[in-house]
Amino acid sequence: MNSRFELFSTEILYEIFDYLSTYDIFHAFINLNYR
């Protein structure tokens, strides 16, 4: 099952992540694989 996140192009993701700090990105994805 694909998520909507996978449908974004790489360039769009780079633009989004440019606005976030490393800390924010880390905490956004840290619990992604936990169930």
Protein backbone atom coordinates (compact mmCIF):
# COMPACT_ATOMS: atom_id res chain seq x y z
CA MET A 1 0.00 0.00 0.00
CA ASN A 2 1.52 3.31 -1.06
CA SER A 3 1.18 6.37 1.09
CA ARG A 4 0.53 9.85 -0.23
CA PHE A 5 4.02 10.80 0.97
CA GLU A 6 5.57 8.47 -1.61
CA LEU A 7 3.76 10.29 -4.41
CA PHE A 8 5.61 13.58 -3.83
CA SER A 9 8.46 14.33 -6.16
CA THR A 10 11.94 14.59 -4.68
CA GLU A 11 12.17 18.31 -5.44
CA ILE A 12 9.01 19.06 -3.48
CA LEU A 13 10.32 17.10 -0.49
CA TYR A 14 13.60 19.06 -0.60
CA GLU A 15 11.66 22.32 -0.56
CA ILE A 16 9.57 21.19 2.42
CA PHE A 17 12.59 19.93 4.37
CA ASP A 18 14.46 23.20 3.75
CA TYR A 19 11.98 24.88 6.11
CA LEU A 20 12.42 22.28 8.88
CA SER A 21 15.30 21.79 11.26
CA THR A 22 17.05 18.44 11.60
CA TYR A 23 15.47 18.08 15.03
CA ASP A 24 11.96 18.55 13.62
CA ILE A 25 12.52 16.07 10.79
CA PHE A 26 13.94 13.48 13.19
CA HIS A 27 11.00 13.74 15.58
CA ALA A 28 8.47 13.62 12.75
CA PHE A 29 9.77 10.22 11.60
CA ILE A 30 11.07 8.61 14.80
CA ASN A 31 7.90 6.66 15.59
CA LEU A 32 6.94 5.94 12.00
CA ASN A 33 7.67 2.20 12.14
CA TYR A 34 6.34 1.57 15.65
CA ARG A 35 2.92 -0.02 15.92
